[in-house]
Structure formats: structure tokens, C-alpha cells
Protein backbone atom coordinates (compact mmCIF):
# COMPACT_ATOMS: atom_id res chain seq x y z
CA MET A 1 94.04 125.31 138.09
CA ALA A 2 91.34 125.44 140.73
CA ALA A 3 88.22 123.40 139.65
CA ALA A 4 84.70 124.14 140.77
CA THR A 5 84.21 120.53 140.76
CA ARG A 6 86.24 117.35 140.46
CA THR A 7 84.80 115.48 137.74
CA LEU A 8 87.16 112.76 136.03
CA GLN A 9 88.53 115.68 133.58
CA ASN A 10 88.92 118.12 136.50
CA LEU A 11 90.81 115.22 138.50
CA CYS A 12 93.32 114.68 135.66
CA ILE A 13 93.78 118.09 134.92
CA GLU A 14 94.78 118.85 138.54
CA THR A 15 97.00 115.86 138.63
CA LEU A 16 98.77 116.39 135.16
CA ASP A 17 99.61 119.76 136.38
CA GLU A 18 100.57 119.11 139.71
CA TYR A 19 103.13 116.49 138.49
CA GLY A 20 104.39 117.79 135.21
CA ILE A 21 103.12 114.86 133.34
CA GLY A 22 103.03 114.92 129.64
CA GLY A 23 103.98 118.44 129.62
CA GLY A 24 100.81 119.49 131.71
CA SER A 25 97.09 119.18 131.32
CA SER A 26 96.96 121.75 128.16
CA GLY A 27 94.08 120.05 125.75
CA PHE A 28 93.49 117.19 128.01
CA ASP A 29 90.19 115.48 127.80
CA VAL A 30 89.04 111.80 128.06
CA ALA A 31 89.54 111.55 124.22
CA THR A 32 92.96 112.68 124.51
CA THR A 33 95.79 111.19 121.97
CA ASN A 34 98.71 112.38 124.29
CA PHE A 35 100.36 109.14 125.14
CA GLU A 36 101.38 110.18 128.85
CA HIS A 37 97.84 111.92 129.43
CA LYS A 38 96.10 108.61 128.25
CA ARG A 39 98.39 106.59 130.71
CA LEU A 40 97.39 108.93 133.64
CA LEU A 41 93.76 108.93 132.64
CA LYS A 42 93.77 104.87 132.70
CA TRP A 43 95.20 104.69 136.54
CA MET A 44 93.09 107.78 137.60
CA VAL A 45 89.91 105.47 136.46
CA ALA A 46 91.38 102.24 137.97
CA ALA A 47 92.23 104.16 141.38
CA ILE A 48 88.52 105.62 141.52
CA THR A 49 87.35 101.89 140.88
CA TYR A 50 89.81 100.79 143.52
CA VAL A 51 89.09 103.13 146.18
CA ASP A 52 85.21 102.75 145.67
CA ASN A 53 85.31 99.02 146.00
CA LEU A 54 87.46 99.03 149.34
CA HIS A 55 84.05 98.68 151.08
CA THR A 56 80.87 97.68 149.53
CA ASP A 57 78.82 99.81 152.38
CA TRP A 58 80.52 103.27 151.97
CA ARG A 59 77.97 105.82 153.32
CA TYR A 60 78.13 107.78 149.73
CA LEU A 61 77.06 104.38 148.15
CA TRP A 62 73.92 104.24 150.41
CA VAL A 63 70.45 104.70 148.52
CA ASP A 64 66.99 105.47 150.43
CA TRP A 65 64.82 104.14 147.46
CA THR A 66 61.08 104.37 146.77
CA GLY A 67 59.82 102.17 143.86
CA PRO A 68 56.81 102.40 141.80
CA SER A 69 53.49 100.97 142.99
CA LEU A 70 52.75 97.15 143.05
CA ASP A 71 49.48 96.12 141.56
CA ALA A 72 47.25 93.85 143.52
CA ALA A 73 48.13 90.35 143.15
CA SER A 74 51.80 90.99 142.97
CA SER A 75 54.39 88.58 144.45
CA SER A 76 57.69 90.28 143.43
CA ILE A 77 59.16 93.73 143.78
CA THR A 78 60.36 95.57 140.75
CA LEU A 79 63.80 96.61 141.38
CA PRO A 80 65.04 99.92 141.15
CA VAL A 81 65.67 101.97 137.93
CA VAL A 82 69.35 101.94 137.16
CA ALA A 83 69.60 105.40 135.35
CA THR A 84 67.69 107.03 138.55
CA TYR A 85 69.16 105.14 141.65
CA GLY A 86 72.27 103.38 140.47
CA GLU A 87 72.70 99.28 140.39
CA VAL A 88 71.89 97.53 143.47
CA ASN A 89 75.02 95.92 144.73
CA GLN A 90 73.75 94.98 148.54
CA TRP A 91 70.27 95.37 150.01
CA VAL A 92 70.22 96.24 153.62
CA ARG A 93 68.09 93.25 154.93
CA ASN A 94 65.10 94.09 156.77
CA SER A 95 64.77 97.52 155.37
CA ILE A 96 61.91 96.78 153.01
CA TRP A 97 58.88 98.25 153.55
CA LEU A 98 55.28 98.28 151.82
CA ASP A 99 53.64 101.63 152.06
CA ARG A 100 56.35 103.00 154.49
CA GLU A 101 54.98 106.76 154.33
CA THR A 102 51.34 105.92 155.40
CA ASP A 103 49.49 105.11 158.57
CA ASN A 104 49.50 101.31 157.94
CA PRO A 105 53.00 100.19 156.80
CA ILE A 106 54.22 96.91 156.55
CA ARG A 107 57.93 96.07 157.38
CA LEU A 108 58.86 92.77 155.64
CA ARG A 109 61.25 90.48 157.23
CA TYR A 110 63.89 88.90 155.39
CA LYS A 111 64.21 84.96 154.80
CA ASP A 112 67.25 83.06 153.34
CA TRP A 113 66.50 82.17 149.76
CA LYS A 114 66.79 78.39 150.36
CA SER A 115 63.90 78.01 152.89
CA PHE A 116 61.96 80.79 151.27
CA ARG A 117 62.08 79.01 147.99
CA GLU A 118 61.01 75.51 149.52
CA ARG A 119 58.19 77.06 151.49
CA TYR A 120 56.78 79.67 148.90
CA ARG A 121 58.03 79.09 145.53
CA SER A 122 56.70 75.49 145.23
CA ASN A 123 53.20 76.15 146.36
CA THR A 124 50.45 78.37 145.08
CA LEU A 125 50.52 81.55 147.17
CA ALA A 126 47.84 82.97 149.11
CA THR A 127 46.54 86.26 148.66
CA SER A 128 47.17 88.42 151.97
CA ASP A 129 49.40 91.19 153.31
CA PRO A 130 52.90 90.18 152.82
CA LEU A 131 55.24 89.11 156.09
CA TYR A 132 58.25 87.98 154.62
CA TYR A 133 60.68 88.39 151.54
CA SER A 134 63.54 87.00 150.00
CA GLU A 135 66.28 87.53 147.27
CA ALA A 136 66.58 85.23 144.59
CA PRO A 137 69.98 84.47 143.03
CA ASP A 138 69.48 86.98 140.12
CA GLY A 139 68.59 89.63 142.81
CA THR A 140 64.61 89.63 142.36
CA LEU A 141 62.73 90.26 145.37
CA TYR A 142 60.10 87.61 145.86
CA LEU A 143 57.21 88.10 148.46
CA ASP A 144 55.56 85.40 150.68
CA SER A 145 52.24 86.15 149.18
CA LYS A 146 50.12 87.67 146.62
CA THR A 147 49.33 91.15 147.70
CA ARG A 148 45.64 92.10 148.22
CA LYS A 149 46.03 95.52 147.34
CA ALA A 150 48.33 97.87 145.52
CA HIS A 151 51.52 99.06 147.78
CA VAL A 152 54.45 101.26 147.56
CA PRO A 153 57.53 99.53 148.05
CA SER A 154 60.54 101.09 149.57
CA GLY A 155 63.81 100.25 151.01
CA GLU A 156 67.76 100.73 151.33
CA PHE A 157 70.53 99.48 149.49
CA PHE A 158 74.03 100.00 148.49
CA ARG A 159 74.94 100.79 145.01
CA ARG A 160 77.39 99.26 142.68
CA THR A 161 80.13 101.42 141.48
CA ALA A 162 80.22 102.26 137.77
CA GLU A 163 83.57 102.80 135.91
CA LEU A 164 83.90 106.42 134.87
CA SER A 165 84.62 107.11 131.25
CA ASP A 166 83.31 110.56 130.35
CA ASP A 167 84.98 114.25 130.93
CA ASP A 168 81.86 114.82 133.37
CA ASP A 169 81.52 111.94 135.20
CA GLU A 170 81.88 112.60 138.84
CA PRO A 171 83.20 110.03 141.70
CA LEU A 172 80.79 109.07 144.13
CA ALA A 173 82.94 110.01 147.14
CA PRO A 174 82.30 113.50 148.82
CA TYR A 175 84.09 116.43 147.12
CA ASN A 176 86.38 116.99 150.03
CA HIS A 177 87.65 113.66 150.28
CA ARG A 178 88.65 113.33 146.46
CA ARG A 179 92.12 113.93 146.45
CA ILE A 180 92.68 110.34 147.58
CA TYR A 181 91.89 109.30 144.22
CA GLN A 182 94.55 111.38 142.85
CA VAL A 183 97.28 110.40 145.07
CA LYS A 184 96.35 106.52 144.27
CA ALA A 185 96.46 107.40 140.68
CA ILE A 186 99.95 108.71 141.04
CA LEU A 187 100.79 105.70 143.16
CA ASN A 188 99.77 103.56 140.09
CA TYR A 189 101.37 105.59 137.70
CA ALA A 190 104.65 105.55 139.43
CA VAL A 191 104.82 101.91 139.98
CA ARG A 192 103.27 100.48 136.86
CA GLU A 193 104.78 103.04 134.20
CA ASP A 194 108.21 103.07 136.18
CA ALA A 195 108.27 106.57 137.12
CA PRO A 196 109.22 106.57 140.82
CA GLU A 197 110.93 109.90 140.56
CA ILE A 198 107.62 111.58 140.59
CA LEU A 199 106.69 110.47 144.10
CA GLY A 200 107.38 111.99 147.37
CA GLY A 201 105.19 111.57 150.56
CA GLU A 202 102.24 109.98 148.61
CA ALA A 203 102.31 106.65 150.20
CA ALA A 204 102.10 108.22 153.71
CA GLU A 205 99.69 110.62 152.20
CA TYR A 206 97.27 107.93 150.84
CA ASP A 207 97.20 106.12 154.29
CA ASP A 208 96.28 109.12 155.94
CA LEU A 209 93.48 109.94 153.36
CA LEU A 210 92.06 106.65 153.63
CA GLU A 211 91.92 106.61 157.31
CA LYS A 212 90.01 109.88 157.16
CA LEU A 213 87.44 108.53 154.34
CA GLU A 214 86.88 105.35 156.26
CA THR A 215 86.13 107.44 159.59
CA ALA A 216 83.92 109.61 157.67
CA GLU A 217 82.09 107.02 155.54
CA ALA A 218 82.65 103.61 156.72
CA PRO A 219 82.89 103.80 160.47
CA GLY A 220 83.15 100.10 162.01
CA SER A 221 83.26 98.70 158.61
CA ARG A 222 86.39 96.92 159.56
CA THR A 223 85.04 94.88 162.61
CA SER A 224 81.40 94.74 160.98
CA GLY A 225 80.78 90.97 159.51
CA ILE A 226 77.76 89.51 157.91
CA SER A 227 75.56 88.12 160.47
CA GLU A 228 73.50 84.77 160.02
CA ASN A 229 70.78 85.87 162.03
CA GLU A 230 67.63 87.04 160.14
CA ASP A 231 66.39 89.23 162.82
CA GLU A 232 69.52 91.77 162.51
CA ASP A 233 69.59 94.41 159.89
CA ILE A 234 72.40 92.92 157.68
CA VAL A 235 73.49 93.32 154.22
CA THR A 236 73.04 90.85 151.31
CA VAL A 237 75.19 90.65 148.26
CA VAL A 238 73.63 90.76 144.83
CA PRO A 239 75.55 88.72 142.52
């Protein structure tokens, strides 16, 4: 069955038909009562979650965000709306701007939370154009001063992946790379459900697909570390 899209349901249907699991895909949806279908569904969801979390900075997880306007006298930035942008997993440090699309943009510089808290969170904040920001342990972005006027914030982050659960849910990886989810699901199924007879060259295929996905969507990720230098465009993890 050729699917126009690769939703969770499509991925499972294609895999059930390809490997003949549970007698094929007839009647499959995420509410299936077919025992074998349910087991394949479980391992498909696990495969998608696993692959998407191999790197926190996959290109397909990157978001360029523009937020709602900050009022004058604001000292923190309202976080992105999860329903629209996804949940923040990592901010790209030094990517936070105020009024980026204007003639007078302000690029905020990152300071680590410990030094920022000691200097700016224990004193009465001045009212001026902010220069620095920091991220509190709860993910809140704080400014080093109260804003003199309204500003529009923007920035870049990598979103947190969400576990798929509905028929029409789609993985985040580009369409042409989604075969990797199916192969990983079959490897999971074969090992965990004691069904090695369904395997052929899937282990080698998975390695090849992963290499292609990393080349396209995570170049350099295996050698890119987290820098301690606040002047670099580094990434910080939201707990």
C-alpha cells in the first residue's frame, strides 16, 4: 500500500504488510485489538522516540520563534506556545533578540544562571534596554533590566519530541528519511518479541539509514561539544 504521507498509521500499515505481521494490515488503527498489531504499534512508537532522541539538535527539531510583544517594564520573556511551536528542549544561546525585524534590533547575550542570579536577581532592576539574559532552572528567560518600552522577542531553539499516539500523528523527520523508523521498529519487534525469523538485512539497513539521516540532519553532531564560552552560539538544555 503506497501511502501519500507517513503518519504513525501509515508507517505501521506499510510495515505490517511488508513483514506479514498479524496477517497483514487489514483493519489496523491505533485502537486495534489485534494482539500482533498492538505489539508492532508499541515498537513503532518506541522506534520513533528512540531515533528522534539520538540527537537533541537534529535540524528537523530546529524552530525559529517570534513571540508575543513584551510590555514595557518586562523583566522576563514569555516562553513559546507549545501548541504552536512545540516544547522547548534546548535554546540556541545568543540567538535571543528583541525587535529583530526592525531597524533597531537588540541582540541579547547569554550569561550563566549562577552569575546572572547573583548580579541581577537579588537587586532592584534598572529600567533600560536589556543587554543580557539567562535561563532559570525552570526554563524561564530573565532579562538583566526592565524594558523601557514594548519589544517583540525572537530566538531559536530545538523542540522536545513528543510520543506519537494518534493515527494521523506524523514523526518530525523529513518524509524521505522515515524508513529508519520502520526498520528500527522491526529490529525492536524481532528481538523483544522473539521473532528473529522476520529479519534479513535490517541491521545493516538501519546503520545505513542512520548514517544518511545524520549526514543530512545532524552534520558534525558527533564532534560538536557543549562549550563553556558564553560568547559562542551554544546550546543549553531545559530540564
